[in-house]
PDB file of all heavy atoms in Angstrom:
ATOM      1  N   VAL A   1      -6.447  -1.323  10.201  1.00  0.00           N
ATOM      2  CA  VAL A   1      -7.236  -1.813   9.066  1.00  0.00           C
ATOM      3  C   VAL A   1      -6.351  -2.615   8.117  1.00  0.00           C
ATOM      4  O   VAL A   1      -6.761  -3.665   7.604  1.00  0.00           O
ATOM      5  CB  VAL A   1      -7.929  -0.637   8.333  1.00  0.00           C
ATOM      6  CG1 VAL A   1      -8.607  -1.095   7.066  1.00  0.00           C
ATOM      7  CG2 VAL A   1      -8.929   0.046   9.259  1.00  0.00           C
ATOM      8  N   MET A   2      -5.123  -2.134   7.912  1.00  0.00           N
ATOM      9  CA  MET A   2      -4.192  -2.889   7.066  1.00  0.00           C
ATOM     10  C   MET A   2      -3.911  -4.264   7.672  1.00  0.00           C
ATOM     11  O   MET A   2      -3.893  -5.270   6.961  1.00  0.00           O
ATOM     12  CB  MET A   2      -2.884  -2.117   6.889  1.00  0.00           C
ATOM     13  CG  MET A   2      -2.957  -0.960   5.929  1.00  0.00           C
ATOM     14  SD  MET A   2      -1.395  -0.064   5.819  1.00  0.00           S
ATOM     15  CE  MET A   2      -0.296  -1.328   5.198  1.00  0.00           C
ATOM     16  N   ALA A   3      -3.688  -4.311   8.975  1.00  0.00           N
ATOM     17  CA  ALA A   3      -3.401  -5.591   9.639  1.00  0.00           C
ATOM     18  C   ALA A   3      -4.598  -6.530   9.536  1.00  0.00           C
ATOM     19  O   ALA A   3      -4.417  -7.742   9.347  1.00  0.00           O
ATOM     20  CB  ALA A   3      -3.030  -5.348  11.094  1.00  0.00           C
ATOM     21  N   ASP A   4      -5.806  -5.990   9.651  1.00  0.00           N
ATOM     22  CA  ASP A   4      -7.002  -6.826   9.503  1.00  0.00           C
ATOM     23  C   ASP A   4      -7.101  -7.429   8.109  1.00  0.00           C
ATOM     24  O   ASP A   4      -7.687  -8.492   7.923  1.00  0.00           O
ATOM     25  CB  ASP A   4      -8.265  -6.011   9.789  1.00  0.00           C
ATOM     26  CG  ASP A   4      -8.387  -5.602  11.251  1.00  0.00           C
ATOM     27  OD1 ASP A   4      -7.684  -6.189  12.102  1.00  0.00           O
ATOM     28  OD2 ASP A   4      -9.177  -4.666  11.533  1.00  0.00           O
ATOM     29  N   ARG A   5      -6.523  -6.750   7.112  1.00  0.00           N
ATOM     30  CA  ARG A   5      -6.554  -7.228   5.718  1.00  0.00           C
ATOM     31  C   ARG A   5      -5.306  -8.049   5.370  1.00  0.00           C
ATOM     32  O   ARG A   5      -5.099  -8.409   4.222  1.00  0.00           O
ATOM     33  CB  ARG A   5      -6.647  -6.053   4.747  1.00  0.00           C
ATOM     34  CG  ARG A   5      -7.783  -5.065   4.971  1.00  0.00           C
ATOM     35  CD  ARG A   5      -9.157  -5.696   4.832  1.00  0.00           C
ATOM     36  NE  ARG A   5     -10.232  -4.731   4.827  1.00  0.00           N
ATOM     37  CZ  ARG A   5     -10.845  -4.257   5.908  1.00  0.00           C
ATOM     38  NH1 ARG A   5     -10.455  -4.626   7.099  1.00  0.00           N
ATOM     39  NH2 ARG A   5     -11.859  -3.414   5.807  1.00  0.00           N
ATOM     40  N   GLY A   6      -4.437  -8.306   6.357  1.00  0.00           N
ATOM     41  CA  GLY A   6      -3.237  -9.115   6.113  1.00  0.00           C
ATOM     42  C   GLY A   6      -2.081  -8.334   5.519  1.00  0.00           C
ATOM     43  O   GLY A   6      -1.147  -8.922   4.988  1.00  0.00           O
ATOM     44  N   MET A   7      -2.131  -7.015   5.599  1.00  0.00           N
ATOM     45  CA  MET A   7      -1.045  -6.170   5.089  1.00  0.00           C
ATOM     46  C   MET A   7      -0.240  -5.689   6.301  1.00  0.00           C
ATOM     47  O   MET A   7      -0.674  -4.802   7.022  1.00  0.00           O
ATOM     48  CB  MET A   7      -1.615  -4.992   4.308  1.00  0.00           C
ATOM     49  CG  MET A   7      -2.456  -5.395   3.120  1.00  0.00           C
ATOM     50  SD  MET A   7      -3.289  -4.001   2.343  1.00  0.00           S
ATOM     51  CE  MET A   7      -1.965  -3.330   1.384  1.00  0.00           C
ATOM     52  N   PHE A   8       0.923  -6.306   6.519  1.00  0.00           N
ATOM     53  CA  PHE A   8       1.693  -5.998   7.714  1.00  0.00           C
ATOM     54  C   PHE A   8       2.906  -5.113   7.440  1.00  0.00           C
ATOM     55  O   PHE A   8       3.594  -4.698   8.358  1.00  0.00           O
ATOM     56  CB  PHE A   8       2.135  -7.292   8.399  1.00  0.00           C
ATOM     57  CG  PHE A   8       0.968  -8.117   8.844  1.00  0.00           C
ATOM     58  CD1 PHE A   8       0.581  -9.238   8.133  1.00  0.00           C
ATOM     59  CD2 PHE A   8       0.232  -7.760   9.958  1.00  0.00           C
ATOM     60  CE1 PHE A   8      -0.509  -9.994   8.540  1.00  0.00           C
ATOM     61  CE2 PHE A   8      -0.859  -8.504  10.369  1.00  0.00           C
ATOM     62  CZ  PHE A   8      -1.230  -9.633   9.656  1.00  0.00           C
ATOM     63  N   SER A   9       3.170  -4.809   6.202  1.00  0.00           N
ATOM     64  CA  SER A   9       4.284  -3.939   5.832  1.00  0.00           C
ATOM     65  C   SER A   9       3.726  -2.676   5.187  1.00  0.00           C
ATOM     66  O   SER A   9       2.793  -2.746   4.374  1.00  0.00           O
ATOM     67  CB  SER A   9       5.212  -4.661   4.849  1.00  0.00           C
ATOM     68  OG  SER A   9       6.239  -3.808   4.426  1.00  0.00           O
ATOM     69  N   THR A  10       4.307  -1.543   5.554  1.00  0.00           N
ATOM     70  CA  THR A  10       3.812  -0.285   4.988  1.00  0.00           C
ATOM     71  C   THR A  10       4.023  -0.230   3.480  1.00  0.00           C
ATOM     72  O   THR A  10       3.244   0.400   2.770  1.00  0.00           O
ATOM     73  CB  THR A  10       4.499   0.921   5.647  1.00  0.00           C
ATOM     74  OG1 THR A  10       5.906   0.819   5.461  1.00  0.00           O
ATOM     75  CG2 THR A  10       4.177   0.991   7.124  1.00  0.00           C
ATOM     76  N   THR A  11       5.046  -0.911   2.987  1.00  0.00           N
ATOM     77  CA  THR A  11       5.320  -0.885   1.550  1.00  0.00           C
ATOM     78  C   THR A  11       4.300  -1.695   0.748  1.00  0.00           C
ATOM     79  O   THR A  11       4.297  -1.616  -0.481  1.00  0.00           O
ATOM     80  CB  THR A  11       6.743  -1.405   1.261  1.00  0.00           C
ATOM     81  OG1 THR A  11       6.886  -2.717   1.821  1.00  0.00           O
ATOM     82  CG2 THR A  11       7.787  -0.476   1.857  1.00  0.00           C
ATOM     83  N   ASP A  12       3.444  -2.445   1.435  1.00  0.00           N
ATOM     84  CA  ASP A  12       2.388  -3.184   0.731  1.00  0.00           C
ATOM     85  C   ASP A  12       1.398  -2.248   0.047  1.00  0.00           C
ATOM     86  O   ASP A  12       0.655  -2.671  -0.835  1.00  0.00           O
ATOM     87  CB  ASP A  12       1.622  -4.096   1.698  1.00  0.00           C
ATOM     88  CG  ASP A  12       2.455  -5.252   2.218  1.00  0.00           C
ATOM     89  OD1 ASP A  12       3.494  -5.553   1.598  1.00  0.00           O
ATOM     90  OD2 ASP A  12       2.065  -5.848   3.237  1.00  0.00           O
ATOM     91  N   LEU A  13       1.388  -0.982   0.442  1.00  0.00           N
ATOM     92  CA  LEU A  13       0.463  -0.021  -0.161  1.00  0.00           C
ATOM     93  C   LEU A  13       1.014   0.662  -1.407  1.00  0.00           C
ATOM     94  O   LEU A  13       0.251   1.260  -2.161  1.00  0.00           O
ATOM     95  CB  LEU A  13       0.100   1.061   0.861  1.00  0.00           C
ATOM     96  CG  LEU A  13      -0.937   0.714   1.911  1.00  0.00           C
ATOM     97  CD1 LEU A  13      -1.123   1.875   2.867  1.00  0.00           C
ATOM     98  CD2 LEU A  13      -2.250   0.341   1.270  1.00  0.00           C
ATOM     99  N   ILE A  14       2.319   0.587  -1.626  1.00  0.00           N
ATOM    100  CA  ILE A  14       2.931   1.352  -2.723  1.00  0.00           C
ATOM    101  C   ILE A  14       2.375   0.920  -4.082  1.00  0.00           C
ATOM    102  O   ILE A  14       1.944   1.756  -4.879  1.00  0.00           O
ATOM    103  CB  ILE A  14       4.467   1.241  -2.679  1.00  0.00           C
ATOM    104  CG1 ILE A  14       4.992   1.928  -1.414  1.00  0.00           C
ATOM    105  CG2 ILE A  14       5.086   1.867  -3.927  1.00  0.00           C
ATOM    106  CD1 ILE A  14       6.484   1.794  -1.206  1.00  0.00           C
ATOM    107  N   ALA A  15       2.371  -0.365  -4.355  1.00  0.00           N
ATOM    108  CA  ALA A  15       1.899  -0.847  -5.660  1.00  0.00           C
ATOM    109  C   ALA A  15       0.401  -0.595  -5.866  1.00  0.00           C
ATOM    110  O   ALA A  15       0.006  -0.098  -6.928  1.00  0.00           O
ATOM    111  CB  ALA A  15       2.227  -2.331  -5.828  1.00  0.00           C
ATOM    112  N   PRO A  16      -0.472  -0.904  -4.894  1.00  0.00           N
ATOM    113  CA  PRO A  16      -1.900  -0.607  -5.109  1.00  0.00           C
ATOM    114  C   PRO A  16      -2.177   0.883  -5.297  1.00  0.00           C
ATOM    115  O   PRO A  16      -3.060   1.253  -6.079  1.00  0.00           O
ATOM    116  CB  PRO A  16      -2.583  -1.134  -3.842  1.00  0.00           C
ATOM    117  CG  PRO A  16      -1.646  -2.131  -3.271  1.00  0.00           C
ATOM    118  CD  PRO A  16      -0.285  -1.679  -3.658  1.00  0.00           C
ATOM    119  N   LEU A  17      -1.435   1.737  -4.598  1.00  0.00           N
ATOM    120  CA  LEU A  17      -1.607   3.178  -4.800  1.00  0.00           C
ATOM    121  C   LEU A  17      -1.150   3.582  -6.197  1.00  0.00           C
ATOM    122  O   LEU A  17      -1.793   4.396  -6.866  1.00  0.00           O
ATOM    123  CB  LEU A  17      -0.844   3.970  -3.744  1.00  0.00           C
ATOM    124  CG  LEU A  17      -1.454   4.004  -2.342  1.00  0.00           C
ATOM    125  CD1 LEU A  17      -0.487   4.622  -1.344  1.00  0.00           C
ATOM    126  CD2 LEU A  17      -2.770   4.754  -2.338  1.00  0.00           C
ATOM    127  N   ALA A  18      -0.032   2.994  -6.652  1.00  0.00           N
ATOM    128  CA  ALA A  18       0.476   3.297  -7.996  1.00  0.00           C
ATOM    129  C   ALA A  18      -0.515   2.841  -9.064  1.00  0.00           C
ATOM    130  O   ALA A  18      -0.661   3.506 -10.099  1.00  0.00           O
ATOM    131  CB  ALA A  18       1.836   2.642  -8.201  1.00  0.00           C
ATOM    132  N   ASP A  19      -1.195   1.713  -8.835  1.00  0.00           N
ATOM    133  CA  ASP A  19      -2.206   1.240  -9.784  1.00  0.00           C
ATOM    134  C   ASP A  19      -3.349   2.236  -9.929  1.00  0.00           C
ATOM    135  O   ASP A  19      -4.021   2.272 -10.956  1.00  0.00           O
ATOM    136  CB  ASP A  19      -2.776  -0.111  -9.339  1.00  0.00           C
ATOM    137  CG  ASP A  19      -1.752  -1.231  -9.429  1.00  0.00           C
ATOM    138  OD1 ASP A  19      -0.739  -1.052 -10.141  1.00  0.00           O
ATOM    139  OD2 ASP A  19      -1.970  -2.280  -8.777  1.00  0.00           O
ATOM    140  N   ARG A  20      -3.558   3.031  -8.904  1.00  0.00           N
ATOM    141  CA  ARG A  20      -4.633   4.025  -8.918  1.00  0.00           C
ATOM    142  C   ARG A  20      -4.116   5.419  -9.253  1.00  0.00           C
ATOM    143  O   ARG A  20      -4.799   6.411  -9.044  1.00  0.00           O
ATOM    144  CB  ARG A  20      -5.351   4.009  -7.572  1.00  0.00           C
ATOM    145  CG  ARG A  20      -6.193   2.762  -7.402  1.00  0.00           C
ATOM    146  CD  ARG A  20      -6.524   2.472  -5.959  1.00  0.00           C
ATOM    147  NE  ARG A  20      -7.349   1.279  -5.824  1.00  0.00           N
ATOM    148  CZ  ARG A  20      -6.879   0.042  -5.853  1.00  0.00           C
ATOM    149  NH1 ARG A  20      -5.582  -0.172  -6.029  1.00  0.00           N
ATOM    150  NH2 ARG A  20      -7.678  -0.988  -5.715  1.00  0.00           N
ATOM    151  N   GLY A  21      -2.889   5.500  -9.752  1.00  0.00           N
ATOM    152  CA  GLY A  21      -2.332   6.767 -10.215  1.00  0.00           C
ATOM    153  C   GLY A  21      -1.748   7.649  -9.126  1.00  0.00           C
ATOM    154  O   GLY A  21      -1.531   8.833  -9.341  1.00  0.00           O
ATOM    155  N   ILE A  22      -1.467   7.080  -7.952  1.00  0.00           N
ATOM    156  CA  ILE A  22      -0.896   7.861  -6.850  1.00  0.00           C
ATOM    157  C   ILE A  22       0.517   7.386  -6.608  1.00  0.00           C
ATOM    158  O   ILE A  22       0.747   6.218  -6.283  1.00  0.00           O
ATOM    159  CB  ILE A  22      -1.750   7.720  -5.574  1.00  0.00           C
ATOM    160  CG1 ILE A  22      -3.144   8.275  -5.838  1.00  0.00           C
ATOM    161  CG2 ILE A  22      -1.092   8.426  -4.406  1.00  0.00           C
ATOM    162  CD1 ILE A  22      -4.138   8.004  -4.759  1.00  0.00           C
ATOM    163  N   SER A  23       1.455   8.287  -6.778  1.00  0.00           N
ATOM    164  CA  SER A  23       2.867   7.960  -6.639  1.00  0.00           C
ATOM    165  C   SER A  23       3.398   8.527  -5.326  1.00  0.00           C
ATOM    166  O   SER A  23       3.556   9.741  -5.184  1.00  0.00           O
ATOM    167  CB  SER A  23       3.643   8.546  -7.827  1.00  0.00           C
ATOM    168  OG  SER A  23       5.014   8.489  -7.593  1.00  0.00           O
ATOM    169  N   LEU A  24       3.655   7.648  -4.357  1.00  0.00           N
ATOM    170  CA  LEU A  24       4.220   8.049  -3.074  1.00  0.00           C
ATOM    171  C   LEU A  24       5.490   7.252  -2.816  1.00  0.00           C
ATOM    172  O   LEU A  24       5.573   6.077  -3.176  1.00  0.00           O
ATOM    173  CB  LEU A  24       3.237   7.787  -1.930  1.00  0.00           C
ATOM    174  CG  LEU A  24       1.934   8.575  -1.913  1.00  0.00           C
ATOM    175  CD1 LEU A  24       1.059   8.125  -0.746  1.00  0.00           C
ATOM    176  CD2 LEU A  24       2.203  10.054  -1.810  1.00  0.00           C
ATOM    177  N   SER A  25       6.470   7.895  -2.196  1.00  0.00           N
ATOM    178  CA  SER A  25       7.700   7.188  -1.844  1.00  0.00           C
ATOM    179  C   SER A  25       7.442   6.288  -0.645  1.00  0.00           C
ATOM    180  O   SER A  25       6.419   6.414   0.038  1.00  0.00           O
ATOM    181  CB  SER A  25       8.809   8.190  -1.520  1.00  0.00           C
ATOM    182  OG  SER A  25       8.517   8.865  -0.310  1.00  0.00           O
ATOM    183  N   SER A  26       8.374   5.397  -0.364  1.00  0.00           N
ATOM    184  CA  SER A  26       8.188   4.483   0.763  1.00  0.00           C
ATOM    185  C   SER A  26       8.141   5.249   2.082  1.00  0.00           C
ATOM    186  O   SER A  26       7.392   4.877   2.995  1.00  0.00           O
ATOM    187  CB  SER A  26       9.286   3.425   0.792  1.00  0.00           C
ATOM    188  OG  SER A  26      10.557   4.035   0.903  1.00  0.00           O
TER     189      SER A  26
END
């Protein structure tokens, strides 16, 4: 699903998750 949305790096999720109040390490 990430690849279909043009997100090819796992770290592409860190900032959007942080914007929603979820803090996860890489």
